[in-house]
Amino acid sequence: MRELVVISGKGGTGKTSITASFAVLARGAVMADCDVDAADLHLLLQPRVRECHAFFSGRLAAIRKADCIACGACLAHCRFGAVSMNGPGAGEAVFTIDPAACEGCGVCARFCPVKAIDLSERRCGEWRVSETRCGTMVHAQLAAGAGNSGKLVSLVRDQARRIAGERGAPLVLADGPPGIGCPVIASLAGASLALIVTEPSVSGEHDLLRVLALARHFALPAAVCVNKWDVNPEMTERIERAASAAGARIGGRIRYDRAFTAAQLDARAVVEADAPAAEDIRRVWHALDAMEIRSELARRH
């Protein structure tokens, strides 16, 4: 089993649209939407949810009002501003904990003299297993303000790998998050190849080099694809030279094409439309053959 992760150094480079097109071309891969903070692959693949599971991570503090003696110890020790006091002062006030501000550290429960504070598991969102026209997809959604997205990314990938193993699928295709933070690290660890989608701009080059350094740190092979390359051909050449110098392979170029927007409005992948950019994406996909991603798919079939 191989695993291709499509990432980007910054948001808005076209990563998800390209991933959806790869899902159409792969025909038999298991998809994983690892961009759990802003999941949108489902908008193009229109999944039919088969399973839905709650995701719990971290702890949440809550005060039992019946047992609280209003001493104010929780307010004095909380460093996240999660405890509020309503009333004239300690002994008479009502203390409450804001779940959006609580970090679940447990300090308030530790210093409460009457143990009137409970720490419970925090429900941070949910993850789903769905069927699409391209195959099975594992995806998730964090609740508003919830954290620990790296842990949820790892769960999504593990489930996608499990399903691929059970079905003998040769490829797991993951739509990763942008940037270089914890969710990206969770998306990359143990993958076969990272395809980094960038755009021909100064910020695109800067963020590309950062994520290339991250991939190099994990000794993960990386390829670079420049989307909307014809908007700035000189910058495209500069980016490709920098990527090659950083040890990445050049996966290809995709021209600027309004078919991307039209396909999104129709809830389709770009390669499902008759558009010049669709041919560019197919060339990038075929270029991955030489990097031993699609060759494994062909061998299985």
Protein backbone atom coordinates (compact mmCIF):
# COMPACT_ATOMS: atom_id res chain seq x y z
CA MET A 1 0.00 0.00 0.00
CA ARG A 2 1.25 3.47 -0.92
CA GLU A 3 0.16 6.79 0.53
CA LEU A 4 0.18 10.06 -1.38
CA VAL A 5 -0.38 13.21 0.69
CA VAL A 6 -1.23 16.45 -1.12
CA ILE A 7 -0.24 19.48 0.96
CA SER A 8 0.60 23.15 0.52
CA GLY A 9 2.68 25.70 2.34
CA LYS A 10 -0.26 28.12 2.42
CA GLY A 11 -4.00 27.96 1.95
CA GLY A 12 -5.80 28.65 -1.32
CA THR A 13 -3.31 27.05 -3.73
CA GLY A 14 -5.82 24.58 -5.23
CA LYS A 15 -4.69 21.59 -3.18
CA THR A 16 -8.17 20.16 -2.54
CA SER A 17 -9.29 20.58 -6.16
CA ILE A 18 -6.20 18.68 -7.33
CA THR A 19 -6.73 15.97 -4.71
CA ALA A 20 -10.34 15.49 -5.88
CA SER A 21 -9.10 15.15 -9.45
CA PHE A 22 -6.56 12.54 -8.37
CA ALA A 23 -9.37 10.65 -6.63
CA VAL A 24 -11.26 10.48 -9.92
CA LEU A 25 -8.14 9.34 -11.80
CA ALA A 26 -7.05 6.78 -9.19
CA ARG A 27 -10.23 4.67 -9.34
CA GLY A 28 -9.85 2.42 -6.34
CA ALA A 29 -7.94 4.53 -3.84
CA VAL A 30 -9.18 5.21 -0.31
CA MET A 31 -9.42 8.95 0.35
CA ALA A 32 -8.60 10.69 3.62
CA ASP A 33 -9.46 14.34 4.20
CA CYS A 34 -6.83 15.32 6.76
CA ASP A 35 -7.61 19.04 6.65
CA VAL A 36 -9.91 18.60 9.65
CA ASP A 37 -9.76 22.26 10.69
CA ALA A 38 -11.36 23.33 7.39
CA ALA A 39 -12.53 20.15 5.67
CA ASP A 40 -13.93 20.69 2.17
CA LEU A 41 -13.07 17.64 0.06
CA HIS A 42 -16.63 16.45 0.67
CA LEU A 43 -17.93 19.44 -1.29
CA LEU A 44 -16.45 17.97 -4.48
CA LEU A 45 -16.89 14.24 -3.84
CA GLN A 46 -20.42 14.41 -2.34
CA PRO A 47 -20.01 11.55 0.17
CA ARG A 48 -22.84 9.41 1.47
CA VAL A 49 -22.10 8.91 5.16
CA ARG A 50 -21.98 5.26 6.21
CA GLU A 51 -20.54 5.61 9.72
CA CYS A 52 -20.31 8.54 12.11
CA HIS A 53 -18.28 8.52 15.33
CA ALA A 54 -17.68 11.11 18.05
CA PHE A 55 -14.12 12.33 18.58
CA PHE A 56 -13.05 12.94 22.17
CA SER A 57 -9.79 14.58 23.12
CA GLY A 58 -8.57 16.43 26.19
CA ARG A 59 -10.58 17.31 29.28
CA LEU A 60 -13.18 19.89 30.23
CA ALA A 61 -13.66 21.27 33.75
CA ALA A 62 -17.09 21.94 35.25
CA ILE A 63 -18.08 23.17 38.71
CA ARG A 64 -20.76 21.33 40.67
CA LYS A 65 -22.74 24.27 42.04
CA ALA A 66 -24.30 22.21 44.82
CA ASP A 67 -20.86 21.45 46.30
CA CYS A 68 -19.08 24.73 45.54
CA ILE A 69 -18.29 26.85 48.62
CA ALA A 70 -17.45 29.94 46.50
CA CYS A 71 -13.92 30.22 47.89
CA GLY A 72 -12.47 31.51 44.60
CA ALA A 73 -9.48 29.15 44.50
CA CYS A 74 -10.31 28.13 40.93
CA LEU A 75 -10.37 31.77 39.80
CA ALA A 76 -7.08 32.49 41.56
CA HIS A 77 -5.21 29.61 39.95
CA CYS A 78 -6.64 29.55 36.40
CA ARG A 79 -4.13 31.03 33.94
CA PHE A 80 -6.42 30.88 30.90
CA GLY A 81 -9.18 33.21 32.05
CA ALA A 82 -11.71 30.39 31.93
CA VAL A 83 -13.21 30.98 35.39
CA SER A 84 -15.64 33.84 35.91
CA MET A 85 -17.18 35.19 39.11
CA ASN A 86 -20.71 36.53 39.32
CA GLY A 87 -21.42 38.21 42.63
CA PRO A 88 -19.92 40.57 45.22
CA GLY A 89 -16.98 38.39 46.28
CA ALA A 90 -15.69 35.06 47.55
CA GLY A 91 -18.17 33.24 49.75
CA GLU A 92 -21.17 34.79 48.05
CA ALA A 93 -20.40 34.74 44.34
CA VAL A 94 -21.26 32.07 41.78
CA PHE A 95 -18.25 30.70 39.90
CA THR A 96 -18.54 29.22 36.41
CA ILE A 97 -16.08 27.83 33.85
CA ASP A 98 -16.25 28.87 30.19
CA PRO A 99 -15.86 25.66 28.13
CA ALA A 100 -14.48 27.62 25.17
CA ALA A 101 -11.64 29.04 27.29
CA CYS A 102 -10.91 25.95 29.41
CA GLU A 103 -7.70 24.15 28.42
CA GLY A 104 -8.43 21.09 30.55
CA CYS A 105 -5.20 21.42 32.52
CA GLY A 106 -6.88 20.37 35.79
CA VAL A 107 -5.29 23.03 38.01
CA CYS A 108 -8.69 24.25 39.24
CA ALA A 109 -9.68 20.72 40.26
CA ARG A 110 -6.31 20.21 41.96
CA PHE A 111 -6.67 23.29 44.18
CA CYS A 112 -10.40 23.10 44.90
CA PRO A 113 -10.56 22.42 48.68
CA VAL A 114 -13.90 20.55 48.49
CA LYS A 115 -13.27 18.73 45.16
CA ALA A 116 -16.30 20.38 43.58
CA ILE A 117 -14.81 20.44 40.07
CA ASP A 118 -15.18 17.53 37.66
CA LEU A 119 -12.92 16.83 34.68
CA SER A 120 -14.69 15.02 31.85
CA GLU A 121 -13.67 14.00 28.35
CA ARG A 122 -14.17 16.80 25.85
CA ARG A 123 -16.09 16.07 22.66
CA CYS A 124 -14.10 17.91 20.00
CA GLY A 125 -15.91 16.83 16.84
CA GLU A 126 -16.65 13.71 14.83
CA TRP A 127 -15.17 11.53 12.12
CA ARG A 128 -17.00 9.70 9.36
CA VAL A 129 -16.59 6.90 6.87
CA SER A 130 -18.42 7.64 3.63
CA GLU A 131 -18.85 6.33 0.11
CA THR A 132 -18.25 8.55 -2.91
CA ARG A 133 -18.35 8.06 -6.67
CA CYS A 134 -14.57 7.59 -6.45
CA GLY A 135 -14.53 5.12 -3.55
CA THR A 136 -14.42 5.20 0.23
CA MET A 137 -13.49 8.41 2.04
CA VAL A 138 -12.62 8.98 5.69
CA HIS A 139 -13.17 12.56 6.81
CA ALA A 140 -13.76 14.55 9.97
CA GLN A 141 -14.94 17.86 11.35
CA LEU A 142 -13.67 19.64 14.44
CA ALA A 143 -16.19 21.44 16.61
CA ALA A 144 -15.95 25.25 16.72
CA GLY A 145 -13.03 26.26 18.90
CA ALA A 146 -11.92 22.66 19.49
CA GLY A 147 -8.27 21.66 19.50
CA ASN A 148 -6.06 18.59 19.15
CA SER A 149 -6.50 18.48 15.38
CA GLY A 150 -3.21 16.59 14.98
CA LYS A 151 -4.67 13.71 16.97
CA LEU A 152 -7.79 13.73 14.78
CA VAL A 153 -5.66 13.75 11.62
CA SER A 154 -3.82 10.66 12.86
CA LEU A 155 -7.14 8.95 13.55
CA VAL A 156 -8.43 9.74 10.03
CA ARG A 157 -5.25 8.38 8.45
CA ASP A 158 -5.28 5.24 10.59
CA GLN A 159 -8.87 4.50 9.61
CA ALA A 160 -8.14 5.09 5.92
CA ARG A 161 -5.17 2.73 6.09
CA ARG A 162 -7.24 0.13 7.91
CA ILE A 163 -9.95 0.22 5.25
CA ALA A 164 -7.38 0.13 2.44
CA GLY A 165 -5.73 -2.89 4.06
CA GLU A 166 -9.01 -4.73 4.48
CA ARG A 167 -10.01 -4.13 0.87
CA GLY A 168 -6.60 -4.59 -0.69
CA ALA A 169 -6.61 -1.03 -2.03
CA PRO A 170 -3.17 -0.09 -3.39
CA LEU A 171 -3.31 3.61 -2.59
CA VAL A 172 -4.39 5.96 0.19
CA LEU A 173 -4.89 9.47 -1.16
CA ALA A 174 -4.83 12.16 1.53
CA ASP A 175 -5.81 15.82 1.30
CA GLY A 176 -3.54 17.37 3.88
CA PRO A 177 -3.80 20.72 5.67
CA PRO A 178 -1.76 23.78 4.68
CA GLY A 179 1.23 25.12 6.59
CA ILE A 180 3.84 23.36 8.71
CA GLY A 181 2.05 22.90 12.05
CA CYS A 182 1.03 19.85 14.04
CA PRO A 183 -1.79 18.76 11.66
CA VAL A 184 0.64 18.79 8.73
CA ILE A 185 3.20 16.74 10.66
CA ALA A 186 0.47 14.24 11.53
CA SER A 187 -0.47 14.06 7.83
CA LEU A 188 3.09 13.43 6.62
CA ALA A 189 4.45 10.91 9.11
CA GLY A 190 4.93 7.55 7.43
CA ALA A 191 3.59 8.60 3.99
CA SER A 192 5.15 7.44 0.73
CA LEU A 193 5.24 10.78 -1.07
CA ALA A 194 4.17 14.37 -0.52
CA LEU A 195 2.95 16.41 -3.46
CA ILE A 196 3.28 20.07 -2.51
CA VAL A 197 1.03 22.44 -4.43
CA THR A 198 2.19 26.04 -4.62
CA GLU A 199 1.45 29.19 -6.59
CA PRO A 200 3.85 31.57 -8.38
CA SER A 201 4.13 34.32 -5.80
CA VAL A 202 6.66 35.49 -3.24
CA SER A 203 4.55 34.15 -0.37
CA GLY A 204 4.03 30.90 -2.28
CA GLU A 205 7.79 30.42 -2.65
CA HIS A 206 8.46 31.28 0.99
CA ASP A 207 5.87 28.86 2.37
CA LEU A 208 6.86 26.15 -0.12
CA LEU A 209 10.46 26.19 1.12
CA ARG A 210 9.26 25.90 4.72
CA VAL A 211 7.13 22.84 4.02
CA LEU A 212 9.93 21.32 1.90
CA ALA A 213 12.22 21.67 4.91
CA LEU A 214 9.60 19.87 6.99
CA ALA A 215 9.39 17.00 4.50
CA ARG A 216 13.17 16.78 4.38
CA HIS A 217 13.30 16.60 8.17
CA PHE A 218 11.14 13.46 8.04
CA ALA A 219 13.11 12.07 5.07
CA LEU A 220 9.89 12.05 3.04
CA PRO A 221 10.18 12.21 -0.77
CA ALA A 222 8.51 15.34 -2.10
CA ALA A 223 7.35 16.61 -5.48
CA VAL A 224 6.28 20.15 -6.31
CA CYS A 225 3.44 21.28 -8.57
CA VAL A 226 2.96 24.96 -9.47
CA ASN A 227 -0.69 25.85 -9.91
CA LYS A 228 -1.64 28.89 -12.04
CA TRP A 229 1.93 28.92 -13.31
CA ASP A 230 1.16 31.12 -16.33
CA VAL A 231 0.15 34.02 -14.08
CA ASN A 232 3.85 34.58 -13.36
CA PRO A 233 6.15 32.39 -15.50
CA GLU A 234 9.33 34.01 -14.15
CA MET A 235 8.37 33.22 -10.56
CA THR A 236 7.43 29.69 -11.61
CA GLU A 237 10.94 29.15 -12.98
CA ARG A 238 12.41 30.55 -9.78
CA ILE A 239 10.27 28.32 -7.59
CA GLU A 240 11.14 25.20 -9.56
CA ARG A 241 14.86 25.97 -9.33
CA ALA A 242 14.56 26.51 -5.58
CA ALA A 243 12.54 23.30 -5.17
CA SER A 244 15.10 21.27 -7.13
CA ALA A 245 17.91 22.76 -5.07
CA ALA A 246 16.02 21.70 -1.94
CA GLY A 247 15.91 18.09 -3.17
CA ALA A 248 12.32 17.98 -4.45
CA ARG A 249 11.18 16.60 -7.78
CA ILE A 250 9.12 18.70 -10.19
CA GLY A 251 5.68 17.16 -10.59
CA GLY A 252 4.47 19.58 -13.26
CA ARG A 253 2.57 22.77 -13.87
CA ILE A 254 -1.13 23.60 -14.01
CA ARG A 255 -2.32 26.66 -15.90
CA TYR A 256 -4.80 29.23 -14.62
CA ASP A 257 -8.25 28.06 -15.70
CA ARG A 258 -11.69 29.23 -14.62
CA ALA A 259 -12.77 25.61 -14.96
CA PHE A 260 -11.60 25.19 -11.36
CA THR A 261 -14.32 27.54 -10.17
CA ALA A 262 -16.93 26.10 -12.53
CA ALA A 263 -16.18 22.57 -11.33
CA GLN A 264 -16.50 23.66 -7.70
CA LEU A 265 -19.90 25.21 -8.40
CA ASP A 266 -20.99 21.92 -10.00
CA ALA A 267 -19.55 19.85 -7.10
CA ARG A 268 -17.20 18.08 -9.50
CA ALA A 269 -13.48 17.56 -9.89
CA VAL A 270 -11.67 19.54 -12.58
CA VAL A 271 -10.77 16.40 -14.55
CA GLU A 272 -14.48 15.66 -14.90
CA ALA A 273 -14.79 18.80 -17.05
CA ASP A 274 -13.57 19.46 -20.57
CA ALA A 275 -10.92 22.01 -19.67
CA PRO A 276 -7.24 22.70 -20.48
CA ALA A 277 -6.32 22.51 -16.79
CA ALA A 278 -7.75 18.98 -16.68
CA GLU A 279 -5.04 17.84 -19.08
CA ASP A 280 -2.39 19.52 -16.95
CA ILE A 281 -3.62 17.64 -13.89
CA ARG A 282 -3.55 14.35 -15.80
CA ARG A 283 0.07 15.02 -16.76
CA VAL A 284 0.95 15.64 -13.12
CA TRP A 285 -0.80 12.41 -12.16
CA HIS A 286 1.13 10.47 -14.82
CA ALA A 287 4.36 12.07 -13.61
CA LEU A 288 3.73 10.44 -10.26
CA ASP A 289 4.06 7.08 -12.05
CA ALA A 290 7.81 7.60 -12.13
CA MET A 291 7.72 8.22 -8.39
CA GLU A 292 6.21 4.75 -7.77
CA ILE A 293 2.79 5.87 -6.65
CA ARG A 294 0.52 5.04 -9.54
CA SER A 295 2.73 2.16 -10.72
CA GLU A 296 1.61 0.13 -7.70
CA LEU A 297 -2.01 0.79 -8.61
CA ALA A 298 -1.40 -0.41 -12.17
CA ARG A 299 0.38 -3.55 -10.95
CA ARG A 300 -2.55 -4.53 -8.72
CA HIS A 301 -5.02 -4.15 -11.59
